[in-house]
Protein backbone atom coordinates (compact mmCIF):
# COMPACT_ATOMS: atom_id res chain seq x y z
CA MET A 1 276.40 44.59 90.11
CA GLN A 2 273.98 41.70 90.64
CA ARG A 3 270.61 42.66 92.16
CA ILE A 4 269.89 40.94 95.48
CA ALA A 5 266.65 41.40 97.42
CA LEU A 6 267.52 43.54 100.44
CA MET A 7 264.95 41.76 102.60
CA LEU A 8 267.07 38.60 102.32
CA ILE A 9 270.61 39.73 102.86
CA GLY A 10 272.60 42.64 104.20
CA ALA A 11 276.13 43.70 103.29
CA ALA A 12 277.80 41.32 100.86
CA GLY A 13 279.77 38.56 102.56
CA MET A 14 278.77 39.51 106.13
CA ALA A 15 277.25 36.86 108.36
CA GLN A 16 274.12 37.78 110.29
CA ALA A 17 273.87 37.44 114.08
CA ALA A 18 273.82 33.83 115.34
CA GLU A 19 275.03 32.55 112.00
CA TYR A 20 278.74 32.57 112.85
CA LEU A 21 280.70 30.34 115.22
CA VAL A 22 284.28 30.88 116.40
CA ALA A 23 286.17 27.82 117.71
CA VAL A 24 289.38 28.18 119.73
CA PRO A 25 291.43 25.30 121.18
CA LYS A 26 291.36 25.07 124.98
CA GLU A 27 295.15 24.81 125.23
CA VAL A 28 296.13 28.22 123.83
CA SER A 29 297.43 31.41 125.40
CA ALA A 30 295.23 34.26 126.54
CA GLU A 31 296.47 36.27 123.54
CA TRP A 32 295.20 33.68 121.08
CA LEU A 33 291.89 33.45 122.93
CA GLY A 34 291.73 37.23 122.56
CA VAL A 35 291.92 36.87 118.78
CA GLY A 36 288.95 34.52 118.88
CA LYS A 37 287.00 36.90 121.09
CA ALA A 38 287.74 39.80 118.72
CA LEU A 39 286.42 37.79 115.77
CA ALA A 40 283.32 36.79 117.73
CA GLU A 41 282.69 40.46 118.49
CA VAL A 42 283.05 41.41 114.82
CA HIS A 43 280.39 38.88 113.78
CA GLU A 44 278.23 38.93 116.94
CA ALA A 45 279.13 35.25 117.05
CA LYS A 46 279.27 32.54 119.67
CA LEU A 47 282.71 31.36 120.79
CA GLU A 48 283.30 27.73 121.68
CA ARG A 49 286.40 26.05 123.09
CA PHE A 50 287.42 22.59 121.84
CA ASP A 51 290.20 20.08 122.45
CA GLY A 52 292.15 20.97 119.30
CA LYS A 53 290.99 17.95 117.28
CA ALA A 54 288.88 18.71 114.24
CA GLU A 55 286.76 15.61 114.87
CA SER A 56 285.61 17.21 118.14
CA LEU A 57 284.03 20.06 116.22
CA GLY A 58 281.37 17.70 114.87
CA ASP A 59 279.26 17.76 118.05
CA ILE A 60 279.59 21.54 118.29
CA LEU A 61 278.49 22.01 114.67
CA GLU A 62 275.53 19.69 115.18
CA ALA A 63 274.43 21.58 118.28
CA GLU A 64 274.97 25.11 116.96
CA ARG A 65 274.40 24.61 113.20
CA PRO A 66 276.30 27.76 112.17
CA ARG A 67 276.45 28.97 108.60
CA TYR A 68 280.07 30.06 109.08
CA LEU A 69 282.85 28.54 111.19
CA ALA A 70 286.25 30.06 111.90
CA VAL A 71 288.86 28.05 113.77
CA VAL A 72 291.40 30.37 115.43
CA GLY A 73 294.73 29.25 116.83
CA PRO A 74 298.52 29.23 116.54
CA ALA A 75 300.15 27.31 113.71
CA SER A 76 300.67 24.33 116.03
CA THR A 77 296.89 23.79 115.86
CA PHE A 78 296.87 23.04 112.15
CA ASP A 79 298.26 20.31 109.92
CA GLY A 80 297.05 18.26 106.98
CA LYS A 81 295.24 15.75 109.16
CA PHE A 82 293.27 18.56 110.82
CA VAL A 83 292.16 19.89 107.42
CA ARG A 84 291.09 16.48 106.15
CA ALA A 85 289.07 15.83 109.31
CA LEU A 86 287.45 19.27 109.21
CA ASN A 87 286.37 18.73 105.61
CA ARG A 88 284.68 15.52 106.68
CA VAL A 89 282.91 16.83 109.80
CA SER A 90 281.69 19.88 107.87
CA ARG A 91 279.47 17.50 105.86
CA GLU A 92 278.12 15.42 108.74
CA VAL A 93 275.69 17.86 110.38
CA ASP A 94 272.67 16.63 108.41
CA ASP A 95 271.78 13.71 106.18
CA ASP A 96 272.73 15.15 102.78
CA PRO A 97 276.31 14.63 101.49
CA TYR A 98 277.18 18.33 101.06
CA ALA A 99 279.08 20.65 103.40
CA ASP A 100 276.82 22.21 106.03
CA VAL A 101 279.11 25.07 107.01
CA ARG A 102 281.47 27.49 105.28
CA TRP A 103 284.71 27.31 107.22
CA GLY A 104 288.08 29.02 107.46
CA LEU A 105 291.27 28.71 109.52
CA ILE A 106 292.84 31.82 111.07
CA THR A 107 296.44 31.86 112.26
CA GLY A 108 299.67 33.81 112.06
CA ALA A 109 303.20 33.85 113.39
CA THR A 110 301.86 35.89 116.34
CA PRO A 111 298.39 36.67 117.69
CA ASP A 112 298.81 40.22 116.38
CA ASP A 113 299.32 38.83 112.86
CA ALA A 114 296.07 36.87 113.13
CA LEU A 115 294.33 39.93 114.54
CA ARG A 116 295.06 41.84 111.33
CA VAL A 117 293.11 39.17 109.44
CA VAL A 118 290.23 39.52 111.90
CA LYS A 119 290.14 43.31 111.75
CA THR A 120 290.12 43.54 107.94
CA ARG A 121 286.48 44.21 107.15
CA GLU A 122 286.50 46.24 103.92
CA PRO A 123 285.69 43.90 101.01
CA LEU A 124 288.46 43.40 98.46
CA VAL A 125 287.77 44.06 94.79
CA ILE A 126 290.80 42.74 92.91
CA ASP A 127 292.61 45.00 90.43
CA ARG A 128 296.19 43.68 90.37
CA ALA A 129 297.41 40.10 89.96
CA LEU A 130 300.67 38.11 90.00
CA THR A 131 300.48 34.52 88.80
CA THR A 132 302.66 31.52 87.92
CA THR A 133 299.90 30.00 85.82
CA GLY A 134 297.48 31.45 83.32
CA ILE A 135 294.38 33.33 84.42
CA ASN A 136 291.87 35.49 82.56
CA LEU A 137 293.72 38.81 82.70
CA GLY A 138 290.56 40.51 81.48
CA LEU A 139 289.32 40.21 85.07
CA VAL A 140 292.03 42.53 86.43
CA GLU A 141 293.35 45.97 85.64
CA SER A 142 296.98 44.85 85.56
CA GLY A 143 299.00 41.71 86.10
CA LEU A 144 302.02 39.54 85.39
CA THR A 145 301.76 35.86 84.48
CA LEU A 146 304.85 33.63 84.44
CA SER A 147 303.83 30.83 82.11
CA ASP A 148 303.74 27.20 83.25
CA GLY A 149 303.06 26.13 79.66
CA GLY A 150 306.31 27.25 78.00
CA LYS A 151 309.69 27.70 79.65
CA GLY A 152 310.41 31.34 80.37
CA GLY A 153 307.28 32.69 78.74
CA TYR A 154 305.40 35.49 80.41
CA THR A 155 302.51 37.90 79.85
CA ILE A 156 302.31 41.45 81.17
CA LYS A 157 299.15 43.51 81.29
CA GLU A 158 299.66 47.17 82.15
CA ALA A 159 296.75 49.28 83.38
CA GLY A 160 294.68 50.42 80.42
CA ALA A 161 296.62 48.29 77.92
CA LYS A 162 296.23 44.90 76.27
CA PRO A 163 298.28 41.91 77.50
CA VAL A 164 301.74 41.63 75.93
CA LYS A 165 303.71 38.37 75.72
CA GLY A 166 307.45 38.15 76.35
CA GLN A 167 310.27 35.67 76.81
CA TRP A 168 312.79 35.33 79.64
CA ASP A 169 316.38 35.93 78.53
CA ALA A 170 318.85 33.60 80.26
CA GLU A 171 321.78 35.91 79.50
CA THR A 172 320.32 39.04 81.08
CA GLU A 173 318.46 37.19 83.87
CA PRO A 174 320.66 34.16 84.74
CA ASP A 175 318.85 33.58 88.04
CA GLY A 176 315.61 32.83 86.21
CA THR A 177 312.16 34.38 86.28
CA VAL A 178 312.10 34.65 90.08
CA GLY A 179 313.56 38.15 89.67
CA MET A 180 310.47 39.16 87.69
CA PHE A 181 308.30 37.69 90.43
CA GLU A 182 310.22 39.65 93.08
CA LYS A 183 309.98 42.91 91.12
CA ALA A 184 306.24 42.52 90.53
CA TRP A 185 305.66 41.68 94.20
CA ASN A 186 307.65 44.65 95.49
CA GLU A 187 306.63 47.29 92.94
CA ASP A 188 303.21 46.35 91.56
CA ARG A 189 301.66 45.38 94.92
CA PRO A 190 299.48 42.51 93.64
CA GLN A 191 296.21 41.85 95.46
CA LEU A 192 295.90 38.36 94.01
CA LEU A 193 298.49 35.59 93.77
CA VAL A 194 297.60 32.48 91.72
CA THR A 195 300.20 29.72 91.59
CA SER A 196 301.01 26.33 90.13
CA SER A 197 304.32 24.38 89.73
CA HIS A 198 306.28 22.51 92.41
CA ALA A 199 305.89 23.49 96.04
CA THR A 200 306.07 22.18 99.59
CA GLN A 201 304.97 23.58 102.93
CA PHE A 202 308.16 25.69 102.86
CA ASN A 203 308.70 26.85 99.29
CA LEU A 204 307.22 27.75 95.92
CA GLU A 205 309.12 27.15 92.67
CA MET A 206 308.77 29.30 89.62
CA PRO A 207 307.58 27.36 86.55
CA PHE A 208 310.28 25.12 85.04
CA GLY A 209 312.45 25.57 88.14
CA LEU A 210 313.52 29.13 87.21
CA GLY A 211 314.10 30.14 90.83
CA LEU A 212 311.99 29.86 93.94
CA ILE A 213 310.86 31.56 97.12
CA ALA A 214 311.22 29.90 100.52
CA SER A 215 309.64 30.65 103.89
CA HIS A 216 311.74 31.21 106.99
CA GLY A 217 311.53 33.57 109.92
CA GLY A 218 308.27 35.04 108.71
CA LYS A 219 309.85 36.15 105.42
CA PHE A 220 309.85 34.93 101.83
CA HIS A 221 313.45 34.46 100.73
CA VAL A 222 314.29 34.77 97.02
CA LEU A 223 316.53 32.07 95.50
CA GLY A 224 317.86 32.09 91.96
CA LYS A 225 317.76 28.90 89.91
CA SER A 226 321.47 28.26 90.54
CA LEU A 227 320.59 27.48 94.18
CA LYS A 228 317.77 25.08 93.37
CA ASN A 229 319.78 21.84 93.67
CA GLU A 230 321.47 22.92 96.88
CA PHE A 231 318.10 23.92 98.32
CA ALA A 232 316.62 20.55 97.32
CA ARG A 233 319.09 18.75 99.57
CA PHE A 234 317.50 20.44 102.58
CA LEU A 235 314.03 19.40 101.50
CA GLY A 236 314.94 15.73 101.73
CA GLY A 237 312.43 14.83 99.01
CA ALA A 238 309.26 16.03 97.31
CA MET A 239 307.32 15.58 100.56
CA PHE A 240 309.83 17.59 102.65
CA THR A 241 311.32 15.14 105.06
CA GLY A 242 314.11 17.50 106.09
CA ASP A 243 314.57 19.63 109.21
CA PRO A 244 312.96 23.11 108.93
CA ALA A 245 315.47 24.48 111.44
CA LYS A 246 318.45 23.40 109.30
CA LEU A 247 316.76 24.79 106.21
CA GLY A 248 316.36 28.08 108.05
CA GLU A 249 320.02 28.13 109.06
CA TRP A 250 321.06 27.55 105.47
CA LEU A 251 318.78 30.31 104.17
CA ASP A 252 320.21 32.72 106.76
CA SER A 253 323.75 31.81 105.75
CA LYS A 254 323.06 32.77 102.12
CA LYS A 255 321.96 36.32 103.05
CA LEU A 256 319.31 36.25 100.34
CA PRO A 257 316.97 39.06 99.32
CA VAL A 258 313.46 38.81 100.76
CA LEU A 259 310.11 39.88 99.39
CA ALA A 260 308.94 43.15 100.88
CA ASP A 261 306.59 42.92 103.85
CA SER A 262 303.07 43.99 103.03
CA ASP A 263 299.94 44.70 105.02
CA GLU A 264 297.76 45.49 102.01
CA PRO A 265 294.97 42.87 101.95
CA LYS A 266 295.39 40.20 99.29
CA VAL A 267 294.40 36.60 98.53
CA TRP A 268 296.33 33.56 97.31
CA VAL A 269 294.87 30.71 95.27
CA ALA A 270 297.44 27.90 95.04
CA ALA A 271 295.42 26.04 92.43
CA GLY A 272 298.06 23.54 91.35
CA ASN A 273 300.68 23.41 94.11
CA CYS A 274 301.42 20.41 96.28
CA LEU A 275 301.36 20.77 100.08
CA ILE A 276 301.49 24.56 100.25
CA GLY A 277 298.17 24.86 102.11
CA ASP A 278 299.50 22.75 105.01
CA ALA A 279 300.79 24.85 107.93
CA ARG A 280 302.47 21.65 109.16
CA GLY A 281 302.14 22.95 112.71
CA THR A 282 304.94 25.49 112.35
CA ASP A 283 305.39 29.24 111.97
CA GLU A 284 308.03 28.48 109.33
CA SER A 285 305.45 27.35 106.77
CA MET A 286 304.48 29.25 103.64
CA VAL A 287 300.88 29.76 104.68
CA VAL A 288 301.81 31.25 108.06
CA SER A 289 304.29 33.67 106.50
CA ALA A 290 301.66 34.57 103.91
CA MET A 291 299.11 35.41 106.59
CA SER A 292 301.70 37.33 108.60
CA SER A 293 304.25 39.38 106.66
CA GLY A 294 302.65 38.79 103.24
CA GLY A 295 299.37 40.56 103.95
CA PHE A 296 297.24 37.66 102.75
CA ARG A 297 293.78 37.57 104.31
CA GLN A 298 292.67 34.39 102.54
CA PHE A 299 294.66 31.45 101.16
CA VAL A 300 293.44 28.34 99.34
CA GLY A 301 295.83 25.41 98.99
CA TYR A 302 296.32 21.64 99.09
CA VAL A 303 297.62 19.87 102.19
CA VAL A 304 298.86 16.86 100.18
CA PRO A 305 300.67 16.38 96.88
CA THR A 306 298.10 17.23 94.22
CA TRP A 307 297.56 15.08 91.13
CA PHE A 308 293.83 15.10 90.31
CA GLY A 309 293.22 18.83 90.67
CA ARG A 310 289.44 18.99 90.84
CA ALA A 311 289.48 20.84 94.18
CA GLY A 312 292.19 23.44 93.51
CA TRP A 313 291.74 24.09 89.80
CA GLY A 314 288.00 23.67 90.21
CA THR A 315 287.83 26.44 92.80
CA LEU A 316 289.90 28.78 90.64
CA ARG A 317 287.87 28.11 87.49
CA LEU A 318 284.53 28.53 89.24
CA TRP A 319 285.73 31.78 90.83
CA GLN A 320 287.05 33.11 87.52
CA ASP A 321 284.01 31.99 85.55
CA SER A 322 281.71 33.77 88.00
CA ARG A 323 283.33 37.05 86.85
CA GLY A 324 282.94 38.71 90.22
CA SER A 325 279.54 37.35 91.17
CA LEU A 326 281.12 34.91 93.68
CA SER A 327 283.51 35.66 96.51
CA LEU A 328 286.56 33.42 96.89
CA ASN A 329 285.04 31.61 99.86
CA GLU A 330 281.77 31.06 97.99
CA ALA A 331 283.74 29.53 95.10
CA PHE A 332 285.60 27.24 97.53
CA PHE A 333 282.34 26.15 99.17
CA LEU A 334 280.43 25.69 95.92
CA ASN A 335 283.22 23.82 94.17
CA ASP A 336 283.26 21.35 97.06
CA ALA A 337 279.52 20.88 96.49
CA ARG A 338 280.23 20.32 92.80
CA VAL A 339 282.83 17.62 93.62
CA ILE A 340 280.38 15.93 95.98
CA GLU A 341 277.56 16.09 93.43
CA GLU A 342 279.74 14.59 90.70
CA THR A 343 280.71 11.78 93.06
CA ARG A 344 277.08 11.23 94.13
CA THR A 345 275.95 11.10 90.49
CA ARG A 346 278.73 8.97 89.01
CA PHE A 347 279.99 6.84 91.91
CA PRO A 348 277.52 7.18 94.82
CA ALA A 349 279.08 4.37 96.86
CA ALA A 350 282.41 6.27 96.75
CA LEU A 351 280.95 8.78 99.22
CA GLU A 352 281.46 6.11 101.87
CA VAL A 353 285.21 5.84 101.18
CA ASP A 354 287.52 8.32 102.94
CA PHE A 355 291.07 9.26 101.94
CA ASP A 356 293.03 10.24 105.04
CA ALA A 357 296.76 10.08 104.36
CA ASP A 358 299.64 12.41 103.58
CA ASP A 359 299.88 11.27 99.95
CA ILE A 360 298.00 8.98 97.60
CA GLU A 361 300.98 6.85 96.51
CA SER A 362 301.94 5.61 99.98
CA CYS A 363 298.26 5.27 100.85
CA MET A 364 297.66 2.95 97.90
CA ARG A 365 300.73 0.92 98.85
CA THR A 366 300.35 0.62 102.61
CA ASP A 367 296.87 1.68 103.84
CA ARG A 368 295.05 -1.61 104.23
CA ALA A 369 291.73 -0.05 105.28
CA PHE A 370 291.67 2.28 102.27
CA ASN A 371 292.45 -0.53 99.86
CA GLN A 372 289.82 -2.76 101.44
CA ALA A 373 287.27 0.04 101.01
CA LEU A 374 288.24 0.38 97.35
CA GLY A 375 287.93 -3.40 97.00
CA LYS A 376 284.36 -3.32 98.35
CA LEU A 377 283.59 -0.46 96.00
CA GLN A 378 284.88 -2.48 93.05
CA ALA A 379 282.93 -5.55 94.18
CA SER A 380 279.76 -3.44 94.10
CA GLY A 381 280.32 -2.81 90.40
CA VAL A 382 282.21 0.49 90.49
CA LYS A 383 285.24 0.61 88.22
CA ILE A 384 288.30 1.86 90.13
CA GLU A 385 289.77 4.41 87.75
CA LYS A 386 291.41 7.83 87.94
CA ASP A 387 288.14 9.73 88.36
CA THR A 388 286.85 7.38 91.07
CA VAL A 389 289.95 7.71 93.24
CA GLY A 390 290.47 11.37 92.32
CA LEU A 391 287.04 12.46 93.50
CA ILE A 392 287.47 10.55 96.76
CA HIS A 393 290.88 12.17 97.20
CA ASP A 394 290.12 15.79 96.35
CA ARG A 395 287.03 16.35 98.46
CA ASP A 396 289.00 16.42 101.74
CA VAL A 397 292.45 17.83 100.94
CA LEU A 398 291.99 21.53 100.19
CA ALA A 399 292.34 24.11 102.96
CA PHE A 400 290.71 27.52 103.24
CA TRP A 401 292.62 30.01 105.37
CA GLY A 402 291.05 33.25 106.55
CA ASP A 403 287.68 34.57 107.66
CA PRO A 404 285.09 32.72 105.53
CA ALA A 405 282.70 35.69 105.69
CA TRP A 406 285.23 38.23 104.40
CA ASP A 407 284.53 39.17 100.80
CA ALA A 408 287.23 39.01 98.08
CA ARG A 409 286.18 38.96 94.43
CA PHE A 410 286.83 40.30 90.95
CA ASP A 411 285.05 43.47 89.84
CA PRO A 412 281.71 42.20 88.41
CA ASP A 413 281.48 45.26 86.14
CA ARG A 414 284.88 44.79 84.48
CA LEU A 415 283.92 41.68 82.51
CA PRO A 416 280.23 41.07 83.26
CA HIS A 417 278.86 37.55 83.48
CA ALA A 418 276.47 36.48 80.72
CA LEU A 419 273.73 35.87 83.31
CA GLU A 420 272.30 38.47 85.66
CA HIS A 421 270.62 37.06 88.74
CA GLU A 422 268.13 38.36 91.27
CA TRP A 423 266.79 36.66 94.39
CA ARG A 424 263.16 37.27 95.32
CA LYS A 425 261.43 36.20 98.50
CA THR A 426 258.21 34.20 98.24
CA GLU A 427 255.70 32.91 100.79
CA SER A 428 257.14 29.40 100.59
CA GLY A 429 260.82 30.23 100.09
CA MET A 430 262.63 32.15 97.36
CA GLU A 431 263.08 32.44 93.62
CA LEU A 432 266.22 32.83 91.53
CA HIS A 433 265.48 34.97 88.47
CA LEU A 434 268.02 34.65 85.64
CA THR A 435 268.29 37.03 82.69
CA ALA A 436 270.77 36.44 79.87
CA ARG A 437 272.83 39.49 78.92
CA ALA A 438 274.48 37.34 76.25
CA ASP A 439 274.23 33.76 75.00
CA PHE A 440 275.24 31.37 77.78
CA GLU A 441 276.06 27.67 78.07
CA GLY A 442 277.46 26.03 81.17
CA GLN A 443 276.85 25.38 84.86
CA TYR A 444 275.60 27.95 87.35
CA LEU A 445 276.15 27.71 91.11
CA ARG A 446 275.05 30.22 93.73
CA CYS A 447 274.92 30.38 97.50
CA LEU A 448 271.50 31.23 98.83
CA PRO A 449 271.15 34.79 100.17
CA LYS A 450 269.69 33.31 103.35
CA ARG A 451 270.25 29.75 104.47
CA MET A 452 267.10 27.65 104.74
CA GLN A 453 266.40 25.37 107.69
CA SER A 454 266.70 22.28 105.48
CA ALA A 455 267.19 21.36 101.84
CA PRO A 456 264.33 22.92 99.87
CA SER A 457 262.22 21.50 97.10
CA ILE A 458 263.41 22.79 93.73
CA GLU A 459 261.22 23.59 90.73
CA LEU A 460 263.20 24.01 87.51
CA PRO A 461 262.27 25.38 84.09
CA GLU A 462 261.85 22.82 81.32
CA GLY A 463 265.16 21.48 80.04
CA MET A 464 267.14 22.42 83.14
CA GLU A 465 268.58 20.01 85.71
CA GLY A 466 269.88 20.93 89.14
CA VAL A 467 270.05 20.29 92.84
CA ALA A 468 269.52 22.50 95.90
CA ALA A 469 270.68 22.22 99.50
CA ASP A 470 270.01 24.47 102.47
CA ASP A 471 272.67 26.98 101.39
CA PHE A 472 273.21 26.61 97.63
CA VAL A 473 271.66 25.87 94.28
CA PHE A 474 273.57 24.04 91.53
CA LEU A 475 272.17 24.31 88.01
CA LYS A 476 273.83 21.75 85.79
CA LYS A 477 274.85 22.41 82.20
CA PHE A 478 272.19 24.40 80.37
CA SER A 479 271.97 27.16 77.80
CA MET A 480 270.15 30.49 77.46
CA LYS A 481 269.89 32.93 74.58
CA LYS A 482 270.49 36.65 74.99
CA GLY A 483 267.39 38.29 76.46
CA GLU A 484 265.92 35.01 77.72
CA GLU A 485 264.61 34.82 81.30
CA ARG A 486 264.19 31.80 83.56
CA VAL A 487 263.02 31.30 87.13
CA VAL A 488 264.17 28.65 89.61
CA LYS A 489 261.82 28.19 92.56
CA LEU A 490 262.96 26.96 95.98
CA SER A 491 260.32 26.02 98.54
CA ALA A 492 260.70 24.97 102.16
CA LYS A 493 259.66 21.36 102.68
CA ALA A 494 256.66 20.81 104.91
C-alpha cells in the first residue's frame, strides 16, 4: 500500500469534519430529508436546503467551500441539465478553472434504497468484474469480458488462472451473449461493471446487439437479441423519445427473466455508453435501478450521447492506470482536471464556451448562442476541430452517482504501480516523494491528502512539468528509472 503521512490524513476516502456538505432540495418528503440528515451525521457535515436547481448551489459552495458535496434527493431531482449545471458551478468557487469540490448524487427508487448507499462505509477493494469492453483483468481476481472489438468474442478469467478467450456460438446460444452476462451477474457476483456499446437512460445493449438489459419497475429485464428490433420501436430513436410507461407495459407483457437483486456493494463505470448516467427524472431509469436493486454504490456515466469520450474513457483509464492508488471518485475528479488542463493549454479561450444541450448534433444545428460562441472562438484564431469541440463538450456531461467520499478501488498490491508515493508535511506546505519500483513513463495525478486554502506554489525537479491546485497535483508526461527518487514541493502562497 502507498505510504501516507498520518498527520495529514485519516482513514482513506473519509472526509474530515467541516469538509463535507450535504444538499437536499426544499421540496422533498420528510423521508428524503432523513436520508440527507443520515449522510450529514455520517460525515459530521453541514446540511443545506436548496431550490432544486444546480445553479443555486453556486452561492452555497462559495459560502461553505466544502471539499465534498453530496446532493440527495428522489430521481425527480436529477436530469442531464442538472448534471451539466453542477459540473459548471463546481468550478466557479475560485478563480482557477478546475473543479473546487468533489461531488456525487445520491438517489434511489425509495428513500430506503438511498439510505443503503449512505450507510455503506466499508471501503470496497474490487476482486470480481463483469465488463462489455476490455479492461486490464490483471487488476482483478476473476472476471468476464464480452468483447466490443469482435462480434461474440469473450474473455474469462477464473480465480487463480490466466485469462482464456472464447467465442459465442449462435447455435447453442441463439439469444446472444446476454445469457452469459446474466449468468455472470447472478452467479459470479461482480463488484465492478464496466460497459460500452449502445445504451439509453433505460437500457444497455450487449456488444454488436447480442441482447440487452432494460430497466423497469426497479429491475433489470433480460432480452435476447431476437427482441431487439421490437424493443427499439418503444425507444422511439437513439435518444429515447418514447413513453417509459408503455415500454414498461411491453416488458411486463413479455414475462422476461430479470437479473437477481443484489445488496452487495459494487460500482459501475459506463465508460462508453450514451445517456446511461442520466436519471431523466424517473425511477424507471437504469441508474436508479442500479442504485436500488442492483447494489451499486457508485455509478459513472454520460448524460448525453457520447462521441468524444475523453470524460468517460479518460476516467476509466486513469483509474485503471493508477493500479489501486486512486479511488473511483478521485479518478473522476482528477480526470476532469486533466480535461480542463488540456483545454487551458491547447485552447484557453474555449474555457469560456459552454455546451448545455441534450446532444451535440442538434446543438450544432439549432443552438444559435453556442454557434456564435464557436464563431468568436474561431475569430480569435482557434481552429474549430474535433478536439476543440470535444473538450468543450466532455467537461460537463459526465455524472458521478454515490457518496464521493466512499472509497472503491482496485487492490494496489495485486498489480503494483511503478511509482510509490509518500506525502510529507513541511513548514510551508507538503512534499510528494516519488520512488520508482520499475521504469516509468507517463502522467501522474494525485489528490492532496489535505486540501490547501488556495492553489499552492509548485517546485518541480528538473525536466518535469506540472500544475497544482488546492486539492490536486498533475505531473505531466515524464519518466523515471527503477530506483530513482524525485520530490515535488508544494508551498502555501503568502
